[in-house]
Amino acid sequence: MAKPNYAFEKRQRDLAKRKKKEEKRLKKAGSKETKAEDGPGGEAQPAEPGDAGAGAEKSPGDGGGGD
């Protein structure tokens, strides 16, 4: 029977933790960014009449981290 490679398992756990922390950090940064865009009353600034929903979709290169 092969002996377990504990170093490999530890590295995999460590990488998973780092990835999770980075995703959490990006999520927090995104939530701070949206709060900064909100007006002083706590509501988002209204878009211009010709831009109905233009900011709702994300472009593929916006760094969303979905990959």
C-alpha atoms as a PDB file:
ATOM      1  CA  MET A   1       0.000   0.000   0.000  1.00  0.00           C
ATOM      2  CA  ALA A   2       1.289   3.476  -0.859  1.00  0.00           C
ATOM      3  CA  LYS A   3       2.016   5.846   1.984  1.00  0.00           C
ATOM      4  CA  PRO A   4      -0.001   9.089   2.130  1.00  0.00           C
ATOM      5  CA  ASN A   5       1.627  12.259   0.855  1.00  0.00           C
ATOM      6  CA  TYR A   6       0.761  14.632   3.678  1.00  0.00           C
ATOM      7  CA  ALA A   7       2.746  17.529   2.207  1.00  0.00           C
ATOM      8  CA  PHE A   8       0.671  17.394  -0.991  1.00  0.00           C
ATOM      9  CA  GLU A   9      -2.597  17.287   0.940  1.00  0.00           C
ATOM     10  CA  LYS A  10      -1.521  20.225   3.108  1.00  0.00           C
ATOM     11  CA  ARG A  11      -0.547  22.229   0.022  1.00  0.00           C
ATOM     12  CA  GLN A  12      -3.931  21.554  -1.574  1.00  0.00           C
ATOM     13  CA  ARG A  13      -5.749  22.708   1.585  1.00  0.00           C
ATOM     14  CA  ASP A  14      -3.559  25.815   1.746  1.00  0.00           C
ATOM     15  CA  LEU A  15      -4.253  26.680  -1.893  1.00  0.00           C
ATOM     16  CA  ALA A  16      -7.992  26.221  -1.340  1.00  0.00           C
ATOM     17  CA  LYS A  17      -7.863  28.557   1.696  1.00  0.00           C
ATOM     18  CA  ARG A  18      -5.953  31.200  -0.252  1.00  0.00           C
ATOM     19  CA  LYS A  19      -8.399  31.015  -3.146  1.00  0.00           C
ATOM     20  CA  LYS A  20     -11.364  31.351  -0.792  1.00  0.00           C
ATOM     21  CA  LYS A  21      -9.767  34.332   0.998  1.00  0.00           C
ATOM     22  CA  GLU A  22      -9.042  36.055  -2.308  1.00  0.00           C
ATOM     23  CA  GLU A  23     -12.619  35.541  -3.515  1.00  0.00           C
ATOM     24  CA  LYS A  24     -13.914  36.921  -0.218  1.00  0.00           C
ATOM     25  CA  ARG A  25     -11.589  39.934  -0.477  1.00  0.00           C
ATOM     26  CA  LEU A  26     -12.757  40.647  -4.029  1.00  0.00           C
ATOM     27  CA  LYS A  27     -16.379  40.307  -2.958  1.00  0.00           C
ATOM     28  CA  LYS A  28     -15.820  42.783  -0.113  1.00  0.00           C
ATOM     29  CA  ALA A  29     -14.026  45.189  -2.445  1.00  0.00           C
ATOM     30  CA  GLY A  30     -16.949  44.951  -4.871  1.00  0.00           C
ATOM     31  CA  SER A  31     -19.491  45.667  -2.157  1.00  0.00           C
ATOM     32  CA  LYS A  32     -17.485  48.701  -0.991  1.00  0.00           C
ATOM     33  CA  GLU A  33     -17.342  49.903  -4.589  1.00  0.00           C
ATOM     34  CA  THR A  34     -21.120  49.686  -5.001  1.00  0.00           C
ATOM     35  CA  LYS A  35     -21.646  51.534  -1.710  1.00  0.00           C
ATOM     36  CA  ALA A  36     -19.311  54.298  -2.912  1.00  0.00           C
ATOM     37  CA  GLU A  37     -21.420  54.647  -6.073  1.00  0.00           C
ATOM     38  CA  ASP A  38     -24.597  55.032  -4.020  1.00  0.00           C
ATOM     39  CA  GLY A  39     -25.744  58.528  -3.213  1.00  0.00           C
ATOM     40  CA  PRO A  40     -25.654  60.069   0.249  1.00  0.00           C
ATOM     41  CA  GLY A  41     -29.260  59.003   0.831  1.00  0.00           C
ATOM     42  CA  GLY A  42     -28.331  55.336   0.506  1.00  0.00           C
ATOM     43  CA  GLU A  43     -29.950  54.991  -2.894  1.00  0.00           C
ATOM     44  CA  ALA A  44     -28.128  54.532  -6.180  1.00  0.00           C
ATOM     45  CA  GLN A  45     -27.860  57.552  -8.434  1.00  0.00           C
ATOM     46  CA  PRO A  46     -30.437  57.367 -11.243  1.00  0.00           C
ATOM     47  CA  ALA A  47     -29.018  56.542 -14.660  1.00  0.00           C
ATOM     48  CA  GLU A  48     -29.494  58.881 -17.583  1.00  0.00           C
ATOM     49  CA  PRO A  49     -32.774  58.273 -19.468  1.00  0.00           C
ATOM     50  CA  GLY A  50     -31.043  56.817 -22.556  1.00  0.00           C
ATOM     51  CA  ASP A  51     -29.058  54.263 -20.500  1.00  0.00           C
ATOM     52  CA  ALA A  52     -31.905  52.073 -19.266  1.00  0.00           C
ATOM     53  CA  GLY A  53     -30.090  49.214 -17.551  1.00  0.00           C
ATOM     54  CA  ALA A  54     -26.795  49.653 -19.387  1.00  0.00           C
ATOM     55  CA  GLY A  55     -24.726  49.219 -16.221  1.00  0.00           C
ATOM     56  CA  ALA A  56     -26.517  46.070 -15.084  1.00  0.00           C
ATOM     57  CA  GLU A  57     -24.553  43.699 -17.317  1.00  0.00           C
ATOM     58  CA  LYS A  58     -20.905  42.996 -16.759  1.00  0.00           C
ATOM     59  CA  SER A  59     -18.509  42.836 -19.654  1.00  0.00           C
ATOM     60  CA  PRO A  60     -16.428  39.670 -20.055  1.00  0.00           C
ATOM     61  CA  GLY A  61     -13.158  41.414 -19.168  1.00  0.00           C
ATOM     62  CA  ASP A  62     -14.311  43.160 -15.985  1.00  0.00           C
ATOM     63  CA  GLY A  63     -12.446  40.823 -13.629  1.00  0.00           C
ATOM     64  CA  GLY A  64     -15.537  39.173 -12.201  1.00  0.00           C
ATOM     65  CA  GLY A  65     -13.582  36.060 -11.230  1.00  0.00           C
ATOM     66  CA  GLY A  66     -16.116  33.622 -12.631  1.00  0.00           C
ATOM     67  CA  ASP A  67     -13.485  31.441 -14.252  1.00  0.00           C
END
